[in-house]
C-alpha atoms as a PDB file:
ATOM      1  CA  MET A   1      -7.488  12.124   2.484  1.00  0.00           C
ATOM      2  CA  GLU A   2     -10.627  10.830   4.161  1.00  0.00           C
ATOM      3  CA  LYS A   3     -10.747   7.874   1.800  1.00  0.00           C
ATOM      4  CA  LEU A   4      -7.221   6.873   2.813  1.00  0.00           C
ATOM      5  CA  HIS A   5      -8.138   7.123   6.473  1.00  0.00           C
ATOM      6  CA  SER A   6     -11.251   4.974   5.914  1.00  0.00           C
ATOM      7  CA  ILE A   7      -9.179   2.322   4.151  1.00  0.00           C
ATOM      8  CA  LEU A   8      -6.789   2.272   7.098  1.00  0.00           C
ATOM      9  CA  ASP A   9      -9.824   1.879   9.404  1.00  0.00           C
ATOM     10  CA  ILE A  10     -10.921  -1.158   7.372  1.00  0.00           C
ATOM     11  CA  LEU A  11      -7.413  -2.663   7.551  1.00  0.00           C
ATOM     12  CA  GLU A  12      -7.315  -2.070  11.282  1.00  0.00           C
ATOM     13  CA  SER A  13     -10.704  -3.790  11.727  1.00  0.00           C
ATOM     14  CA  LYS A  14      -9.250  -6.945  10.133  1.00  0.00           C
ATOM     15  CA  LEU A  15      -6.282  -7.276  12.492  1.00  0.00           C
ATOM     16  CA  ASP A  16      -8.013 -10.026  14.477  1.00  0.00           C
ATOM     17  CA  ASP A  17      -8.068 -12.197  11.335  1.00  0.00           C
ATOM     18  CA  LEU A  18      -4.280 -12.138  10.823  1.00  0.00           C
ATOM     19  CA  ASP A  19      -3.848 -15.864  10.449  1.00  0.00           C
ATOM     20  CA  LYS A  20      -6.836 -16.569   8.241  1.00  0.00           C
ATOM     21  CA  VAL A  21      -6.211 -17.858   4.717  1.00  0.00           C
ATOM     22  CA  LYS A  22      -8.644 -18.416   1.887  1.00  0.00           C
ATOM     23  CA  LEU A  23      -6.877 -20.610  -0.634  1.00  0.00           C
ATOM     24  CA  SER A  24      -9.355 -19.804  -3.420  1.00  0.00           C
ATOM     25  CA  VAL A  25      -8.141 -16.189  -3.216  1.00  0.00           C
ATOM     26  CA  SER A  26      -4.520 -16.416  -2.135  1.00  0.00           C
ATOM     27  CA  GLN A  27      -2.030 -18.617  -0.349  1.00  0.00           C
ATOM     28  CA  ALA A  28      -1.023 -15.683   1.843  1.00  0.00           C
ATOM     29  CA  SER A  29      -2.743 -14.823   5.102  1.00  0.00           C
ATOM     30  CA  VAL A  30      -4.852 -11.770   5.814  1.00  0.00           C
ATOM     31  CA  GLY A  31      -1.979 -10.458   7.919  1.00  0.00           C
ATOM     32  CA  TRP A  32       0.424 -10.761   4.987  1.00  0.00           C
ATOM     33  CA  HIS A  33      -1.950  -8.787   2.761  1.00  0.00           C
ATOM     34  CA  ILE A  34      -2.438  -6.075   5.438  1.00  0.00           C
ATOM     35  CA  ASP A  35       1.351  -5.803   5.892  1.00  0.00           C
ATOM     36  CA  HIS A  36       1.915  -5.655   2.120  1.00  0.00           C
ATOM     37  CA  THR A  37      -0.692  -2.905   1.767  1.00  0.00           C
ATOM     38  CA  LEU A  38       0.830  -0.885   4.582  1.00  0.00           C
ATOM     39  CA  LEU A  39       4.387  -1.275   3.269  1.00  0.00           C
ATOM     40  CA  ALA A  40       3.245  -0.110  -0.162  1.00  0.00           C
ATOM     41  CA  THR A  41       1.284   2.806   1.343  1.00  0.00           C
ATOM     42  CA  ILE A  42       4.206   3.995   3.444  1.00  0.00           C
ATOM     43  CA  GLY A  43       6.544   3.679   0.452  1.00  0.00           C
ATOM     44  CA  ILE A  44       4.208   5.703  -1.783  1.00  0.00           C
ATOM     45  CA  LEU A  45       3.721   8.411   0.828  1.00  0.00           C
ATOM     46  CA  ASP A  46       7.496   8.697   1.304  1.00  0.00           C
ATOM     47  CA  ALA A  47       8.003   8.895  -2.456  1.00  0.00           C
ATOM     48  CA  LEU A  48       5.391  11.705  -2.702  1.00  0.00           C
ATOM     49  CA  LYS A  49       7.088  13.608   0.103  1.00  0.00           C
ATOM     50  CA  ASN A  50      10.597  13.244  -1.451  1.00  0.00           C
ATOM     51  CA  SER A  51       9.650  13.806  -5.074  1.00  0.00           C
ATOM     52  CA  ASP A  52      10.498  16.951  -7.021  1.00  0.00           C
ATOM     53  CA  PRO A  53       7.779  17.829  -9.559  1.00  0.00           C
ATOM     54  CA  LYS A  54      10.284  19.926 -11.518  1.00  0.00           C
ATOM     55  CA  LYS A  55      12.274  16.794 -12.362  1.00  0.00           C
ATOM     56  CA  TYR A  56       9.270  14.870 -13.732  1.00  0.00           C
ATOM     57  CA  LYS A  57       9.403  14.029 -17.408  1.00  0.00           C
ATOM     58  CA  TRP A  58       6.547  12.106 -19.026  1.00  0.00           C
ATOM     59  CA  SER A  59       7.379   9.001 -21.047  1.00  0.00           C
ATOM     60  CA  PHE A  60       5.182   6.511 -22.876  1.00  0.00           C
ATOM     61  CA  ASN A  61       4.444   3.360 -20.873  1.00  0.00           C
ATOM     62  CA  PHE A  62       1.980   0.845 -22.298  1.00  0.00           C
ATOM     63  CA  ASN A  63       1.417  -0.922 -18.977  1.00  0.00           C
ATOM     64  CA  ARG A  64       0.518   2.355 -17.259  1.00  0.00           C
ATOM     65  CA  ILE A  65      -1.996   3.182 -19.975  1.00  0.00           C
ATOM     66  CA  LEU A  66      -3.480  -0.330 -19.698  1.00  0.00           C
ATOM     67  CA  VAL A  67      -3.856  -0.125 -15.917  1.00  0.00           C
ATOM     68  CA  TYR A  68      -5.395   3.366 -16.072  1.00  0.00           C
ATOM     69  CA  THR A  69      -7.754   2.297 -18.875  1.00  0.00           C
ATOM     70  CA  ILE A  70      -9.126  -0.856 -17.237  1.00  0.00           C
ATOM     71  CA  ASN A  71      -8.755   0.600 -13.743  1.00  0.00           C
ATOM     72  CA  LYS A  72      -7.136  -2.477 -12.245  1.00  0.00           C
ATOM     73  CA  ILE A  73      -3.913  -4.477 -12.325  1.00  0.00           C
ATOM     74  CA  PRO A  74      -4.481  -7.813 -14.084  1.00  0.00           C
ATOM     75  CA  ARG A  75      -3.872 -10.771 -11.763  1.00  0.00           C
ATOM     76  CA  GLY A  76      -0.520 -12.446 -12.143  1.00  0.00           C
ATOM     77  CA  ARG A  77       0.874  -9.700 -14.367  1.00  0.00           C
ATOM     78  CA  ALA A  78       2.735  -7.607 -11.781  1.00  0.00           C
ATOM     79  CA  LYS A  79       5.524  -8.514  -9.373  1.00  0.00           C
ATOM     80  CA  ALA A  80       5.830  -6.566  -6.164  1.00  0.00           C
ATOM     81  CA  PRO A  81       9.181  -4.983  -5.355  1.00  0.00           C
ATOM     82  CA  LYS A  82      11.070  -6.635  -2.487  1.00  0.00           C
ATOM     83  CA  THR A  83      10.584  -3.517  -0.361  1.00  0.00           C
ATOM     84  CA  VAL A  84       6.834  -4.132  -0.132  1.00  0.00           C
ATOM     85  CA  VAL A  85       6.936  -7.928   0.364  1.00  0.00           C
ATOM     86  CA  PRO A  86       6.473  -8.757   4.055  1.00  0.00           C
ATOM     87  CA  GLN A  87       9.290 -10.720   5.674  1.00  0.00           C
ATOM     88  CA  GLY A  88       9.263 -12.785   8.831  1.00  0.00           C
ATOM     89  CA  ILE A  89       6.483 -13.190  11.339  1.00  0.00           C
ATOM     90  CA  ILE A  90       3.605 -10.753  11.076  1.00  0.00           C
ATOM     91  CA  GLU A  91       2.500  -9.442  14.478  1.00  0.00           C
ATOM     92  CA  LYS A  92      -0.580  -7.421  15.360  1.00  0.00           C
ATOM     93  CA  GLU A  93       1.397  -4.752  17.318  1.00  0.00           C
ATOM     94  CA  ASN A  94       3.776  -4.206  14.391  1.00  0.00           C
ATOM     95  CA  LEU A  95       0.822  -3.718  12.028  1.00  0.00           C
ATOM     96  CA  LYS A  96      -0.762  -1.252  14.415  1.00  0.00           C
ATOM     97  CA  GLN A  97       2.467   0.764  14.411  1.00  0.00           C
ATOM     98  CA  LYS A  98       2.500   0.771  10.599  1.00  0.00           C
ATOM     99  CA  ILE A  99      -1.133   1.902  10.522  1.00  0.00           C
ATOM    100  CA  ASN A 100      -0.289   4.776  12.872  1.00  0.00           C
ATOM    101  CA  LEU A 101       2.766   5.647  10.788  1.00  0.00           C
ATOM    102  CA  SER A 102       0.589   5.670   7.664  1.00  0.00           C
ATOM    103  CA  ARG A 103      -1.918   7.986   9.336  1.00  0.00           C
ATOM    104  CA  HIS A 104       0.951  10.330  10.335  1.00  0.00           C
ATOM    105  CA  LYS A 105       2.362  10.368   6.814  1.00  0.00           C
ATOM    106  CA  ILE A 106      -1.072  11.110   5.320  1.00  0.00           C
ATOM    107  CA  LYS A 107      -1.321  14.141   7.586  1.00  0.00           C
ATOM    108  CA  GLU A 108       2.104  15.272   6.345  1.00  0.00           C
ATOM    109  CA  LEU A 109       0.731  15.318   2.750  1.00  0.00           C
ATOM    110  CA  LYS A 110      -1.308  18.390   3.605  1.00  0.00           C
ATOM    111  CA  ASP A 111       1.960  20.308   4.061  1.00  0.00           C
ATOM    112  CA  LEU A 112       3.264  19.435   0.609  1.00  0.00           C
ATOM    113  CA  LYS A 113       3.122  22.075  -2.108  1.00  0.00           C
ATOM    114  CA  SER A 114       1.009  21.284  -5.155  1.00  0.00           C
END
């Protein structure tokens, strides 16, 4: 849990650089990447909270094995779901709210049964 909190601290420290873009890395701004990361984090935490381990059934998935083996997602190979793609204007206050929501949802994980 501490690692998640430290990652949120790093994201929060970058909020002053919202509009910066480094074209050699991405056409999207720092703010877009922070928003994308927070949307994905919130979605994953919600999925963990709402999941039922009894309903899980393993199935073979080559891409999953590839990602776990090389420990990264190859660039240009994955497409983000629409739910984690930021829309509209990205504002600092909105990102702060998402960071606080993420922190709250991380605390809720402690209450989940293993």
